Amino acid sequence: MDLLARFEAIVGKENLVARPDSSYALMQEPRGDYSGCALAAVFPKSVHEVAEILALCNAYGVGVVPQGGNTGLVGGQTPDSSGQQLLLSLQKLDRIREIDVDSYAMTVEAGVTLARAQDAASSADRYFPLSLASEGSCTIGGNLATNAGGVHVLAYGGARDLTLGVEAVLADGRILSTLSALRKDNTGYDLTRLMIGSEGTLGVITAATLKLFPLRRARVATFVALADPQAALRLLERCKSRLGAFLEAFEIVPRIGVEFVLKHAPPARDPFSQAYPWYALAEFAAPEDEETLRKQIVDLLEEAMTLGLAQDASIADSLARRAELWRLREALSEVQRREGGSIKHDVSLPLKAVPGFIEEAGRRVTALVPGARPVPFGHLGDGNIHYNISQPVGMEKAAFLARRPEVNAAVHGLVGSLKGSISAEHGIGQVKRALLRETKDPTALAAMRAIKAALDPKGVLNPGKLL
């Protein structure tokens, strides 16, 4: 019996696509930078089917590329062009296994979308705070494999911080389970956190127990006009000191970003009657009593304007208005495509270094490519800046993207000098493998390789990614 027949015997004929080429949707990542083909795409429906598949692939030395919602941005979920790797989609592992209301925990399978996990928690009068622009299609397995961040890291941490345990299948088909609602378990190595962020190179995550929180019924968003990122940093500190218990998100957006959204994402509208250089989108949430929360925010913003930290502010007075304000932030990646080529960076820095980084990176980039349009935005609350650069007006897209190596070197070199990280929330995948080798501490890199060799000695798990 050949391998395809054996895979079919495990998952069923309806859950196997034989020899998909690069035209098959799951063979391409969203930006189109990476595509491939595969021996097959399989869609297992249980952890035991995943275990059988991995045991078979390990025995025959077939590379396995795990995939969730296919929303990753670094090529970590895409097979190579050899046609000899197996695409393992977790989409059909989509059960909500348990919601433990008293323990504030929920166990879900890897193929559950983030939005569905949020809704399941809410239906049980609980709150799961991980929030991403792609939450309607990204999956919990992918979120954990890449240690996703999102807009609420400031208040709740990233995927690692929101996970109590995982179920994962190792390269040889053994099932590892740390699933538990325990908040304390001091019994050796933290295998849960080891699996999270490993990008499918140490094991295939098939389920997770997630932390839940009390439902926040009062939620208020405000869009604040600012002079510069330094003012944003000072405003953030004010928000933390006055309303830190309620501050869930603090995002920054430059004027050029707002203009892109207004131009390409109607019916978006400008929150103010005049333009300002920079903006902050801050959101606060409380279990109850929106009226009191709103009054505290008004007082804080009035004080900020008196002190010269803020130049104007708009507070959402309805759910529709809140969605409008968030659209000005969440549509940024989407609308940049309409402005031609975009060179993107997902970096993190010490908070105090962010304003200086944005200023100096702008100088370096425009010196290399005159007319280049930096569009730095993102999660100031945790120091994660998406330093994206749109091509100069009138320049050919191909000519601009050909400058990517020089631009990347300038931006990442500056990040390194400021003791930042070249990857904040998107992962390494294929895009940053070489850069990881250049920037990671050699001892840390050696330890990572030793762990990989111990858990996947044949190198079948997501080959060509991360390490």
Protein backbone atom coordinates (compact mmCIF):
# COMPACT_ATOMS: atom_id res chain seq x y z
CA MET A 1 0.00 0.00 0.00
CA ASP A 2 1.50 3.39 -0.98
CA LEU A 3 1.64 6.35 1.37
CA LEU A 4 -1.36 8.16 -0.12
CA ALA A 5 -3.50 5.06 0.36
CA ARG A 6 -2.30 4.76 3.95
CA PHE A 7 -3.12 8.40 4.67
CA GLU A 8 -6.54 7.87 3.12
CA ALA A 9 -7.10 4.83 5.32
CA ILE A 10 -6.50 7.03 8.37
CA VAL A 11 -8.57 10.12 7.52
CA GLY A 12 -11.00 8.87 4.86
CA LYS A 13 -11.18 9.71 1.17
CA GLU A 14 -13.19 12.90 1.79
CA ASN A 15 -10.44 14.26 4.05
CA LEU A 16 -7.51 13.94 1.67
CA VAL A 17 -6.47 16.00 -1.33
CA ALA A 18 -3.79 14.19 -3.34
CA ARG A 19 -0.81 16.10 -4.74
CA PRO A 20 -2.17 19.68 -4.48
CA ASP A 21 -0.13 22.17 -6.48
CA SER A 22 0.53 25.84 -5.79
CA SER A 23 -2.89 26.85 -7.14
CA TYR A 24 -4.60 25.09 -4.24
CA ALA A 25 -5.59 27.75 -1.67
CA LEU A 26 -3.88 26.14 1.33
CA MET A 27 -0.58 26.00 -0.55
CA GLN A 28 -0.27 29.81 -0.50
CA GLU A 29 0.21 32.16 2.44
CA PRO A 30 -1.94 35.33 2.54
CA ARG A 31 0.58 37.80 1.13
CA GLY A 32 1.57 35.54 -1.76
CA ASP A 33 5.25 35.61 -0.80
CA TYR A 34 5.40 31.85 -0.25
CA SER A 35 3.69 28.99 -2.02
CA GLY A 36 4.38 25.32 -2.54
CA CYS A 37 2.94 21.94 -3.39
CA ALA A 38 2.52 18.76 -1.38
CA LEU A 39 2.34 15.01 -1.51
CA ALA A 40 -1.12 15.45 0.00
CA ALA A 41 -3.23 17.70 2.18
CA VAL A 42 -4.93 15.78 4.98
CA PHE A 43 -7.68 16.88 7.35
CA PRO A 44 -7.71 14.67 10.47
CA LYS A 45 -10.73 14.82 12.78
CA SER A 46 -9.14 13.64 16.05
CA VAL A 47 -5.87 13.68 17.95
CA HIS A 48 -5.57 9.93 17.36
CA GLU A 49 -5.68 10.42 13.59
CA VAL A 50 -2.97 13.08 13.91
CA ALA A 51 -0.90 10.61 15.95
CA GLU A 52 -1.24 7.89 13.29
CA ILE A 53 -0.29 10.32 10.54
CA LEU A 54 2.81 11.56 12.35
CA ALA A 55 3.95 8.06 13.24
CA LEU A 56 3.67 7.10 9.57
CA CYS A 57 5.49 10.20 8.35
CA ASN A 58 8.24 9.73 10.92
CA ALA A 59 8.74 6.13 9.83
CA TYR A 60 9.08 7.14 6.16
CA GLY A 61 10.91 10.44 6.71
CA VAL A 62 8.12 12.57 5.22
CA GLY A 63 8.11 16.21 6.28
CA VAL A 64 4.89 17.43 7.91
CA VAL A 65 3.73 21.05 7.67
CA PRO A 66 1.00 21.79 10.26
CA GLN A 67 -1.51 24.48 9.34
CA GLY A 68 -4.34 26.21 11.18
CA GLY A 69 -6.30 29.03 9.57
CA ASN A 70 -3.50 29.85 7.08
CA THR A 71 -3.28 33.45 8.29
CA GLY A 72 0.42 33.42 9.25
CA LEU A 73 2.62 36.17 7.84
CA VAL A 74 6.09 34.58 7.84
CA GLY A 75 5.58 31.49 5.67
CA GLY A 76 5.56 29.07 8.59
CA GLN A 77 2.47 27.21 7.37
CA THR A 78 3.45 26.69 3.72
CA PRO A 79 5.03 23.53 2.21
CA ASP A 80 8.08 23.80 0.00
CA SER A 81 8.03 23.22 -3.76
CA SER A 82 9.33 19.62 -3.68
CA GLY A 83 5.88 18.04 -3.59
CA GLN A 84 7.20 15.56 -1.00
CA GLN A 85 5.89 17.16 2.19
CA LEU A 86 2.50 16.56 3.81
CA LEU A 87 0.21 19.47 4.64
CA LEU A 88 -1.53 18.64 7.91
CA SER A 89 -4.58 20.89 8.32
CA LEU A 90 -6.06 21.07 11.82
CA GLN A 91 -9.28 22.76 10.65
CA LYS A 92 -11.49 19.77 11.45
CA LEU A 93 -10.31 19.45 15.04
CA ASP A 94 -12.86 22.06 16.03
CA ARG A 95 -14.62 20.96 19.22
CA ILE A 96 -15.09 23.01 22.36
CA ARG A 97 -14.29 20.16 24.75
CA GLU A 98 -15.09 21.80 28.07
CA ILE A 99 -15.78 25.13 29.74
CA ASP A 100 -14.96 25.02 33.46
CA VAL A 101 -16.75 28.11 34.72
CA ASP A 102 -15.59 27.76 38.33
CA SER A 103 -11.94 27.30 37.35
CA TYR A 104 -12.07 30.06 34.72
CA ALA A 105 -10.72 27.67 32.10
CA MET A 106 -11.78 26.34 28.72
CA THR A 107 -10.41 23.41 26.72
CA VAL A 108 -10.73 23.70 22.95
CA GLU A 109 -9.28 21.91 19.96
CA ALA A 110 -6.68 23.43 17.67
CA GLY A 111 -9.03 24.10 14.74
CA VAL A 112 -11.43 26.28 16.72
CA THR A 113 -11.26 29.82 15.38
CA LEU A 114 -10.27 32.56 17.79
CA ALA A 115 -13.62 34.31 17.32
CA ARG A 116 -15.49 31.10 18.16
CA ALA A 117 -13.38 30.61 21.29
CA GLN A 118 -14.20 34.18 22.34
CA ASP A 119 -17.92 33.57 21.75
CA ALA A 120 -17.88 30.28 23.66
CA ALA A 121 -16.32 31.99 26.66
CA SER A 122 -18.81 34.85 26.48
CA SER A 123 -21.75 32.44 26.34
CA ALA A 124 -20.54 31.05 29.67
CA ASP A 125 -20.31 34.55 31.16
CA ARG A 126 -16.53 34.51 30.85
CA TYR A 127 -13.96 36.43 28.80
CA PHE A 128 -11.10 35.15 26.64
CA PRO A 129 -9.02 38.26 25.86
CA LEU A 130 -6.76 37.22 22.97
CA SER A 131 -7.78 39.51 20.09
CA LEU A 132 -6.34 39.78 16.58
CA ALA A 133 -7.52 41.40 13.35
CA SER A 134 -7.74 37.92 11.78
CA GLU A 135 -9.73 36.40 14.66
CA GLY A 136 -12.57 35.31 12.38
CA SER A 137 -10.28 32.90 10.51
CA CYS A 138 -7.14 32.28 12.58
CA THR A 139 -7.26 29.22 14.84
CA ILE A 140 -6.26 28.51 18.42
CA GLY A 141 -3.64 25.99 17.29
CA GLY A 142 -2.00 28.54 15.03
CA ASN A 143 -2.26 31.24 17.70
CA LEU A 144 -0.39 29.05 20.16
CA ALA A 145 2.14 27.69 17.66
CA THR A 146 3.20 31.27 16.88
CA ASN A 147 2.67 32.67 20.39
CA ALA A 148 0.28 35.29 18.99
CA GLY A 149 0.10 38.67 20.68
CA GLY A 150 -2.64 41.04 19.54
CA VAL A 151 -4.08 44.18 21.03
CA HIS A 152 -4.61 43.01 24.63
CA VAL A 153 -1.09 41.88 25.51
CA LEU A 154 -0.77 45.03 27.61
CA ALA A 155 -3.42 43.77 30.03
CA TYR A 156 -3.36 39.97 29.72
CA GLY A 157 -0.14 38.91 28.03
CA GLY A 158 0.28 36.86 24.85
CA ALA A 159 -0.72 33.32 23.97
CA ARG A 160 1.79 31.76 26.39
CA ASP A 161 0.37 33.74 29.27
CA LEU A 162 -3.20 32.73 28.39
CA THR A 163 -2.57 28.98 28.20
CA LEU A 164 -2.72 26.54 31.11
CA GLY A 165 -1.95 23.35 29.19
CA VAL A 166 -1.71 21.80 25.74
CA GLU A 167 -2.25 18.51 23.99
CA ALA A 168 0.36 17.93 21.30
CA VAL A 169 1.45 15.04 19.11
CA LEU A 170 5.20 14.48 18.98
CA ALA A 171 7.11 13.57 15.84
CA ASP A 172 6.91 9.83 16.47
CA GLY A 173 3.16 9.88 17.10
CA ARG A 174 3.18 9.93 20.90
CA ILE A 175 0.55 12.16 22.46
CA LEU A 176 1.79 14.64 25.07
CA SER A 177 -0.92 16.15 27.29
CA THR A 178 -0.55 18.85 29.91
CA LEU A 179 -4.24 19.77 29.64
CA SER A 180 -5.37 21.00 33.05
CA ALA A 181 -7.23 23.83 34.74
CA LEU A 182 -4.48 24.03 37.40
CA ARG A 183 -3.00 27.47 37.98
CA LYS A 184 0.01 25.97 39.79
CA ASP A 185 1.91 22.83 38.81
CA ASN A 186 5.54 22.82 39.90
CA THR A 187 6.50 19.35 38.64
CA GLY A 188 9.45 19.89 36.35
CA TYR A 189 10.04 21.40 32.94
CA ASP A 190 7.32 23.64 31.55
CA LEU A 191 6.44 21.62 28.45
CA THR A 192 3.34 23.71 27.81
CA ARG A 193 5.30 26.90 27.26
CA LEU A 194 7.93 25.00 25.29
CA MET A 195 5.33 23.96 22.70
CA ILE A 196 3.84 27.44 22.45
CA GLY A 197 5.80 29.53 19.97
CA SER A 198 7.64 26.51 18.53
CA GLU A 199 5.88 26.97 15.16
CA GLY A 200 5.09 23.26 14.79
CA THR A 201 8.76 22.23 14.90
CA LEU A 202 8.58 20.35 18.24
CA GLY A 203 5.05 18.92 18.10
CA VAL A 204 1.63 19.49 16.58
CA ILE A 205 -0.70 21.21 19.04
CA THR A 206 -4.14 19.57 18.87
CA ALA A 207 -5.90 21.14 21.88
CA ALA A 208 -5.33 23.63 24.68
CA THR A 209 -6.72 24.64 28.04
CA LEU A 210 -7.07 28.42 28.03
CA LYS A 211 -7.39 30.94 30.84
CA LEU A 212 -10.69 32.79 31.15
CA PHE A 213 -11.49 36.00 33.00
CA PRO A 214 -14.60 37.75 34.33
CA LEU A 215 -16.69 39.16 31.50
CA ARG A 216 -16.13 42.88 30.92
CA ARG A 217 -19.54 44.46 30.31
CA ALA A 218 -18.38 48.09 30.27
CA ARG A 219 -16.04 48.93 27.40
CA VAL A 220 -15.00 52.40 26.22
CA ALA A 221 -12.68 53.28 23.34
CA THR A 222 -11.11 56.67 22.72
CA PHE A 223 -9.10 58.06 19.79
CA VAL A 224 -6.60 60.70 20.93
CA ALA A 225 -4.76 63.22 18.75
CA LEU A 226 -1.05 63.61 19.55
CA ALA A 227 1.98 65.61 18.49
CA ASP A 228 4.43 62.69 18.35
CA PRO A 229 5.23 59.21 19.72
CA GLN A 230 6.90 60.72 22.78
CA ALA A 231 3.55 62.31 23.71
CA ALA A 232 1.93 58.91 23.17
CA LEU A 233 4.39 57.31 25.59
CA ARG A 234 3.69 59.95 28.21
CA LEU A 235 -0.06 59.52 27.73
CA LEU A 236 0.32 55.76 28.11
CA GLU A 237 2.06 56.26 31.43
CA ARG A 238 -0.78 58.56 32.54
CA CYS A 239 -3.38 55.95 31.55
CA LYS A 240 -1.52 53.25 33.47
CA SER A 241 -1.12 55.33 36.62
CA ARG A 242 -4.72 56.55 36.68
CA LEU A 243 -6.74 53.72 35.12
CA GLY A 244 -4.26 50.88 34.83
CA ALA A 245 -6.70 48.31 36.19
CA PHE A 246 -9.04 49.02 33.28
CA LEU A 247 -6.61 49.74 30.42
CA GLU A 248 -6.78 46.86 27.90
CA ALA A 249 -5.24 48.28 24.72
CA PHE A 250 -3.06 51.20 23.69
CA GLU A 251 -2.29 51.45 19.97
CA ILE A 252 -0.53 54.17 18.00
CA VAL A 253 -1.25 55.20 14.40
CA PRO A 254 0.50 57.89 12.29
CA ARG A 255 -1.46 60.37 10.19
CA ILE A 256 -0.39 58.68 6.96
CA GLY A 257 -1.99 55.46 8.22
CA VAL A 258 -5.28 57.20 8.92
CA GLU A 259 -5.16 58.76 5.45
CA PHE A 260 -4.65 55.34 3.87
CA VAL A 261 -7.70 53.98 5.70
CA LEU A 262 -9.85 56.99 4.81
CA LYS A 263 -8.83 56.62 1.15
CA HIS A 264 -9.18 52.87 0.75
CA ALA A 265 -11.63 51.63 3.39
CA PRO A 266 -14.87 53.60 3.15
CA PRO A 267 -17.04 54.45 4.99
CA ALA A 268 -14.23 55.20 7.46
CA ARG A 269 -14.32 58.80 8.65
CA ASP A 270 -11.85 61.12 10.30
CA PRO A 271 -12.51 61.44 14.05
CA PHE A 272 -11.51 65.11 14.03
CA SER A 273 -12.13 68.23 11.95
CA GLN A 274 -8.41 68.72 11.41
CA ALA A 275 -5.40 66.45 10.86
CA TYR A 276 -2.88 65.65 13.58
CA PRO A 277 0.56 64.02 13.23
CA TRP A 278 -0.15 61.00 15.45
CA TYR A 279 -2.99 59.23 17.21
CA ALA A 280 -3.47 56.79 20.07
CA LEU A 281 -6.35 54.35 20.29
CA ALA A 282 -6.90 53.45 23.93
CA GLU A 283 -9.55 51.07 25.19
CA PHE A 284 -10.67 50.59 28.77
CA ALA A 285 -12.93 47.86 30.15
CA ALA A 286 -14.58 47.11 33.48
CA PRO A 287 -16.90 44.40 34.79
CA GLU A 288 -19.78 46.86 35.31
CA ASP A 289 -20.74 50.55 35.51
CA GLU A 290 -19.85 52.09 32.15
CA GLU A 291 -21.01 55.53 33.31
CA THR A 292 -18.37 55.72 36.05
CA LEU A 293 -15.67 54.37 33.72
CA ARG A 294 -16.57 56.91 31.05
CA LYS A 295 -16.40 59.79 33.54
CA GLN A 296 -12.95 58.67 34.70
CA ILE A 297 -11.74 58.57 31.09
CA VAL A 298 -13.11 62.05 30.40
CA ASP A 299 -11.31 63.39 33.48
CA LEU A 300 -8.06 61.70 32.41
CA LEU A 301 -8.24 63.11 28.87
CA GLU A 302 -9.08 66.61 30.06
CA GLU A 303 -6.06 66.48 32.33
CA ALA A 304 -3.90 65.17 29.45
CA MET A 305 -4.95 68.07 27.23
CA THR A 306 -4.29 70.57 30.00
CA LEU A 307 -0.78 69.14 30.39
CA GLY A 308 -0.19 69.25 26.63
CA LEU A 309 -0.01 65.45 26.26
CA ALA A 310 -3.09 65.29 24.03
CA GLN A 311 -4.33 67.75 21.42
CA ASP A 312 -7.86 66.42 20.98
CA ALA A 313 -9.88 63.31 21.82
CA SER A 314 -12.95 61.44 20.61
CA ILE A 315 -14.72 58.98 22.92
CA ALA A 316 -16.91 56.32 21.33
CA ASP A 317 -20.53 56.79 22.42
CA SER A 318 -21.89 53.59 20.84
CA LEU A 319 -20.81 50.14 19.68
CA ALA A 320 -20.93 51.38 16.10
CA ARG A 321 -18.65 54.30 16.90
CA ARG A 322 -16.26 52.01 18.78
CA ALA A 323 -16.07 49.80 15.68
CA GLU A 324 -15.34 52.87 13.54
CA LEU A 325 -12.43 53.89 15.74
CA TRP A 326 -10.99 50.37 15.73
CA ARG A 327 -11.37 50.23 11.94
CA LEU A 328 -8.85 53.08 11.67
CA ARG A 329 -6.29 50.78 13.33
CA GLU A 330 -7.25 47.29 12.18
CA ALA A 331 -7.55 48.13 8.47
CA LEU A 332 -3.98 49.40 8.23
CA SER A 333 -2.33 46.22 6.95
CA GLU A 334 -5.11 45.67 4.44
CA VAL A 335 -5.11 49.18 2.96
CA GLN A 336 -1.34 49.40 2.58
CA ARG A 337 -1.60 46.94 -0.29
CA ARG A 338 -3.53 49.57 -2.22
CA GLU A 339 -0.53 51.89 -2.03
CA GLY A 340 1.80 49.47 -3.81
CA GLY A 341 4.71 47.54 -2.37
CA SER A 342 5.19 47.40 1.37
CA ILE A 343 8.26 46.29 3.31
CA LYS A 344 7.09 45.10 6.71
CA HIS A 345 8.75 44.60 10.09
CA ASP A 346 7.31 43.13 13.29
CA VAL A 347 9.67 44.31 16.03
CA SER A 348 9.59 44.97 19.75
CA LEU A 349 11.58 47.44 21.81
CA PRO A 350 11.88 48.68 25.37
CA LEU A 351 9.05 51.20 25.75
CA LYS A 352 11.38 54.14 26.35
CA ALA A 353 13.18 53.39 23.06
CA VAL A 354 10.09 53.42 20.82
CA PRO A 355 9.91 57.18 20.03
CA GLY A 356 13.62 57.37 19.19
CA PHE A 357 13.41 54.20 17.11
CA ILE A 358 10.55 55.55 15.00
CA GLU A 359 12.39 58.81 14.36
CA GLU A 360 15.78 57.26 13.55
CA ALA A 361 14.33 54.43 11.45
CA GLY A 362 12.53 57.04 9.35
CA ARG A 363 15.80 58.86 8.73
CA ARG A 364 17.64 55.68 7.75
CA VAL A 365 14.92 54.35 5.47
CA THR A 366 14.33 57.58 3.57
CA ALA A 367 18.08 58.05 3.16
CA LEU A 368 18.23 54.63 1.48
CA VAL A 369 15.04 55.07 -0.55
CA PRO A 370 14.14 58.75 -1.02
CA GLY A 371 10.38 59.23 -0.98
CA ALA A 372 9.73 56.00 0.94
CA ARG A 373 6.70 56.34 3.21
CA PRO A 374 7.13 54.83 6.70
CA VAL A 375 3.87 53.72 8.32
CA PRO A 376 4.85 52.64 11.86
CA PHE A 377 1.89 51.55 13.95
CA GLY A 378 0.86 49.04 16.56
CA HIS A 379 0.94 48.01 20.17
CA LEU A 380 2.77 50.75 22.03
CA GLY A 381 1.48 49.30 25.29
CA ASP A 382 3.88 46.36 24.99
CA GLY A 383 6.53 47.90 22.72
CA ASN A 384 5.50 45.96 19.59
CA ILE A 385 5.72 48.20 16.52
CA HIS A 386 4.80 47.13 13.01
CA TYR A 387 7.35 49.22 11.14
CA ASN A 388 5.92 49.06 7.62
CA ILE A 389 7.19 51.13 4.70
CA SER A 390 5.11 51.88 1.61
CA GLN A 391 6.81 52.48 -1.72
CA PRO A 392 7.47 56.02 -2.95
CA VAL A 393 4.75 57.49 -5.13
CA GLY A 394 5.67 56.86 -8.76
CA MET A 395 8.27 54.18 -8.06
CA GLU A 396 7.85 50.73 -9.57
CA LYS A 397 6.78 48.13 -7.03
CA ALA A 398 9.42 45.62 -8.12
CA ALA A 399 12.17 48.22 -7.87
CA PHE A 400 11.07 49.15 -4.37
CA LEU A 401 10.81 45.56 -3.12
CA ALA A 402 14.27 44.87 -4.56
CA ARG A 403 15.59 47.24 -1.88
CA ARG A 404 14.15 45.02 0.88
CA PRO A 405 17.52 43.56 2.02
CA GLU A 406 19.04 47.01 2.55
CA VAL A 407 15.94 48.37 4.26
CA ASN A 408 15.62 45.32 6.50
CA ALA A 409 19.28 45.58 7.48
CA ALA A 410 18.82 49.23 8.43
CA VAL A 411 15.69 48.64 10.50
CA HIS A 412 16.82 45.42 12.18
CA GLY A 413 20.28 46.84 12.84
CA LEU A 414 18.68 49.73 14.70
CA VAL A 415 16.43 47.33 16.62
CA GLY A 416 19.47 45.33 17.72
CA SER A 417 21.33 48.42 18.88
CA LEU A 418 18.34 49.31 21.06
CA LYS A 419 18.20 45.81 22.57
CA GLY A 420 14.93 44.95 20.83
CA SER A 421 13.67 41.84 19.06
CA ILE A 422 13.36 41.16 15.33
CA SER A 423 10.10 39.26 15.87
CA ALA A 424 7.45 40.36 18.33
CA GLU A 425 4.33 38.35 17.47
CA HIS A 426 4.46 36.96 13.92
CA GLY A 427 7.18 34.36 14.50
CA ILE A 428 10.19 33.32 12.42
CA GLY A 429 8.81 30.92 9.79
CA GLN A 430 10.80 31.08 6.57
CA VAL A 431 11.12 34.85 6.43
CA LYS A 432 13.46 35.37 9.39
CA ARG A 433 15.43 32.10 9.61
CA ALA A 434 18.71 33.64 8.47
CA LEU A 435 18.13 36.73 10.59
CA LEU A 436 17.53 34.58 13.66
CA ARG A 437 20.93 32.95 13.20
CA GLU A 438 22.53 36.37 12.98
CA THR A 439 20.80 37.91 16.00
CA LYS A 440 20.05 35.13 18.50
CA ASP A 441 22.50 34.44 21.32
CA PRO A 442 24.63 31.49 20.12
CA THR A 443 24.15 29.54 23.34
CA ALA A 444 20.38 30.02 23.19
CA LEU A 445 20.37 28.92 19.54
CA ALA A 446 22.39 25.81 20.40
CA ALA A 447 19.94 24.96 23.19
CA MET A 448 17.03 25.33 20.76
CA ARG A 449 18.71 22.99 18.28
CA ALA A 450 19.38 20.43 21.04
CA ILE A 451 15.70 20.45 22.03
CA LYS A 452 14.67 20.07 18.38
CA ALA A 453 17.04 17.12 17.94
CA ALA A 454 15.73 15.42 21.08
CA LEU A 455 12.04 15.72 20.17
CA ASP A 456 12.31 15.40 16.39
CA PRO A 457 15.56 13.55 15.57
CA LYS A 458 14.53 12.88 11.96
CA GLY A 459 13.55 16.50 11.35
CA VAL A 460 10.08 15.73 10.00
CA LEU A 461 8.20 18.48 11.85
CA ASN A 462 7.81 21.64 9.76
CA PRO A 463 11.19 21.33 8.04
CA GLY A 464 12.79 24.54 6.82
CA LYS A 465 11.00 26.68 9.40
CA LEU A 466 12.33 28.53 12.44
CA LEU A 467 15.70 26.72 12.77
